[in-house]
Amino acid sequence: MKMNNTKPLINQIHRVQGQMQGLEKMILENKYCVDIIGLSLAIQKSLQSLNQKVLENHLEEHVGHQFREGQDKKVIKELSKIYNLKNK
């Protein structure tokens, strides 16, 4: 991953960490279930966004090069793996 792409991702990870701490606190304090679910869903959306950004970076940085180098089977295998993990 290119260094200029990492700072926004690290910032996003820090936000998710803060949200996770908040989620833990809400559960420990027996907060309203709907509020807990709302924060949990927000965290999931943040992680989906992070995954999308990392995937886009991978496609831009590596996939074109791998196809040009004749590594198309590797690319297909990696993308299939990601697809299968996402759809479990």
C-alpha atoms as a PDB file:
ATOM      1  CA  MET A   1       0.000   0.000   0.000  1.00  0.00           C
ATOM      2  CA  LYS A   2       1.326   3.423  -0.881  1.00  0.00           C
ATOM      3  CA  MET A   3       2.244   5.577   2.076  1.00  0.00           C
ATOM      4  CA  ASN A   4       0.037   8.483   0.950  1.00  0.00           C
ATOM      5  CA  ASN A   5      -2.979   6.186   1.244  1.00  0.00           C
ATOM      6  CA  THR A   6      -2.301   4.980   4.773  1.00  0.00           C
ATOM      7  CA  LYS A   7      -2.997   8.094   6.878  1.00  0.00           C
ATOM      8  CA  PRO A   8      -6.735   8.322   6.074  1.00  0.00           C
ATOM      9  CA  LEU A   9      -7.090   4.589   6.685  1.00  0.00           C
ATOM     10  CA  ILE A  10      -5.294   4.788  10.027  1.00  0.00           C
ATOM     11  CA  ASN A  11      -7.540   7.712  11.008  1.00  0.00           C
ATOM     12  CA  GLN A  12     -10.588   5.651  10.097  1.00  0.00           C
ATOM     13  CA  ILE A  13      -9.290   2.722  12.172  1.00  0.00           C
ATOM     14  CA  HIS A  14      -8.828   5.046  15.151  1.00  0.00           C
ATOM     15  CA  ARG A  15     -12.428   6.224  14.792  1.00  0.00           C
ATOM     16  CA  VAL A  16     -13.645   2.628  14.729  1.00  0.00           C
ATOM     17  CA  GLN A  17     -11.575   1.862  17.819  1.00  0.00           C
ATOM     18  CA  GLY A  18     -13.236   4.761  19.606  1.00  0.00           C
ATOM     19  CA  GLN A  19     -16.645   3.558  18.483  1.00  0.00           C
ATOM     20  CA  MET A  20     -15.848   0.055  19.737  1.00  0.00           C
ATOM     21  CA  GLN A  21     -14.903   1.437  23.136  1.00  0.00           C
ATOM     22  CA  GLY A  22     -18.164   3.362  23.178  1.00  0.00           C
ATOM     23  CA  LEU A  23     -20.066   0.220  22.237  1.00  0.00           C
ATOM     24  CA  GLU A  24     -18.443  -1.713  25.072  1.00  0.00           C
ATOM     25  CA  LYS A  25     -19.313   1.064  27.513  1.00  0.00           C
ATOM     26  CA  MET A  26     -22.923   1.124  26.324  1.00  0.00           C
ATOM     27  CA  ILE A  27     -23.237  -2.612  26.900  1.00  0.00           C
ATOM     28  CA  LEU A  28     -21.605  -2.443  30.335  1.00  0.00           C
ATOM     29  CA  GLU A  29     -23.945   0.386  31.301  1.00  0.00           C
ATOM     30  CA  ASN A  30     -26.997  -1.524  30.060  1.00  0.00           C
ATOM     31  CA  LYS A  31     -27.956   1.174  27.574  1.00  0.00           C
ATOM     32  CA  TYR A  32     -31.039   0.903  25.392  1.00  0.00           C
ATOM     33  CA  CYS A  33     -30.734  -2.035  22.961  1.00  0.00           C
ATOM     34  CA  VAL A  34     -31.753  -0.018  19.917  1.00  0.00           C
ATOM     35  CA  ASP A  35     -28.980   2.501  20.643  1.00  0.00           C
ATOM     36  CA  ILE A  36     -26.436  -0.324  20.953  1.00  0.00           C
ATOM     37  CA  ILE A  37     -27.559  -1.817  17.659  1.00  0.00           C
ATOM     38  CA  GLY A  38     -27.375   1.606  16.002  1.00  0.00           C
ATOM     39  CA  LEU A  39     -23.753   2.071  17.039  1.00  0.00           C
ATOM     40  CA  SER A  40     -22.907  -1.512  16.082  1.00  0.00           C
ATOM     41  CA  LEU A  41     -24.344  -0.944  12.603  1.00  0.00           C
ATOM     42  CA  ALA A  42     -22.400   2.321  12.276  1.00  0.00           C
ATOM     43  CA  ILE A  43     -19.198   0.446  13.118  1.00  0.00           C
ATOM     44  CA  GLN A  44     -19.984  -2.177  10.498  1.00  0.00           C
ATOM     45  CA  LYS A  45     -20.543   0.556   7.891  1.00  0.00           C
ATOM     46  CA  SER A  46     -17.203   2.129   8.815  1.00  0.00           C
ATOM     47  CA  LEU A  47     -15.454  -1.214   8.376  1.00  0.00           C
ATOM     48  CA  GLN A  48     -17.196  -1.795   5.040  1.00  0.00           C
ATOM     49  CA  SER A  49     -15.965   1.612   3.906  1.00  0.00           C
ATOM     50  CA  LEU A  50     -12.438   0.771   5.037  1.00  0.00           C
ATOM     51  CA  ASN A  51     -12.551  -2.533   3.155  1.00  0.00           C
ATOM     52  CA  GLN A  52     -13.768  -0.772   0.027  1.00  0.00           C
ATOM     53  CA  LYS A  53     -10.907   1.720   0.166  1.00  0.00           C
ATOM     54  CA  VAL A  54      -8.321  -1.035   0.657  1.00  0.00           C
ATOM     55  CA  LEU A  55      -9.817  -3.042  -2.206  1.00  0.00           C
ATOM     56  CA  GLU A  56      -9.770  -0.006  -4.510  1.00  0.00           C
ATOM     57  CA  ASN A  57      -6.135   0.567  -3.590  1.00  0.00           C
ATOM     58  CA  HIS A  58      -5.335  -3.073  -4.349  1.00  0.00           C
ATOM     59  CA  LEU A  59      -7.051  -2.883  -7.724  1.00  0.00           C
ATOM     60  CA  GLU A  60      -5.223   0.327  -8.644  1.00  0.00           C
ATOM     61  CA  GLU A  61      -1.825  -0.701  -7.302  1.00  0.00           C
ATOM     62  CA  HIS A  62      -1.553  -4.389  -8.043  1.00  0.00           C
ATOM     63  CA  VAL A  63      -4.189  -5.968 -10.261  1.00  0.00           C
ATOM     64  CA  GLY A  64      -3.315  -4.225 -13.538  1.00  0.00           C
ATOM     65  CA  HIS A  65       0.354  -4.998 -13.023  1.00  0.00           C
ATOM     66  CA  GLN A  66      -0.383  -8.643 -12.215  1.00  0.00           C
ATOM     67  CA  PHE A  67      -2.490  -9.058 -15.344  1.00  0.00           C
ATOM     68  CA  ARG A  68       0.263  -7.515 -17.474  1.00  0.00           C
ATOM     69  CA  GLU A  69       2.775  -9.899 -15.879  1.00  0.00           C
ATOM     70  CA  GLY A  70       0.628 -12.919 -16.748  1.00  0.00           C
ATOM     71  CA  GLN A  71      -0.507 -13.534 -13.183  1.00  0.00           C
ATOM     72  CA  ASP A  72      -4.192 -13.531 -14.082  1.00  0.00           C
ATOM     73  CA  LYS A  73      -4.878 -16.806 -12.238  1.00  0.00           C
ATOM     74  CA  LYS A  74      -3.451 -15.283  -9.054  1.00  0.00           C
ATOM     75  CA  VAL A  75      -5.629 -12.181  -9.463  1.00  0.00           C
ATOM     76  CA  ILE A  76      -8.757 -14.237 -10.030  1.00  0.00           C
ATOM     77  CA  LYS A  77      -7.981 -16.420  -7.016  1.00  0.00           C
ATOM     78  CA  GLU A  78      -7.423 -13.384  -4.748  1.00  0.00           C
ATOM     79  CA  LEU A  79     -10.578 -11.587  -5.907  1.00  0.00           C
ATOM     80  CA  SER A  80     -12.610 -14.783  -5.550  1.00  0.00           C
ATOM     81  CA  LYS A  81     -11.289 -15.149  -2.006  1.00  0.00           C
ATOM     82  CA  ILE A  82     -12.357 -11.603  -1.151  1.00  0.00           C
ATOM     83  CA  TYR A  83     -15.764 -12.158  -2.730  1.00  0.00           C
ATOM     84  CA  ASN A  84     -16.305 -15.392  -0.817  1.00  0.00           C
ATOM     85  CA  LEU A  85     -15.235 -13.854   2.500  1.00  0.00           C
ATOM     86  CA  LYS A  86     -17.607 -10.947   1.976  1.00  0.00           C
ATOM     87  CA  ASN A  87     -20.533 -13.221   1.191  1.00  0.00           C
ATOM     88  CA  LYS A  88     -20.168 -15.630   4.114  1.00  0.00           C
END
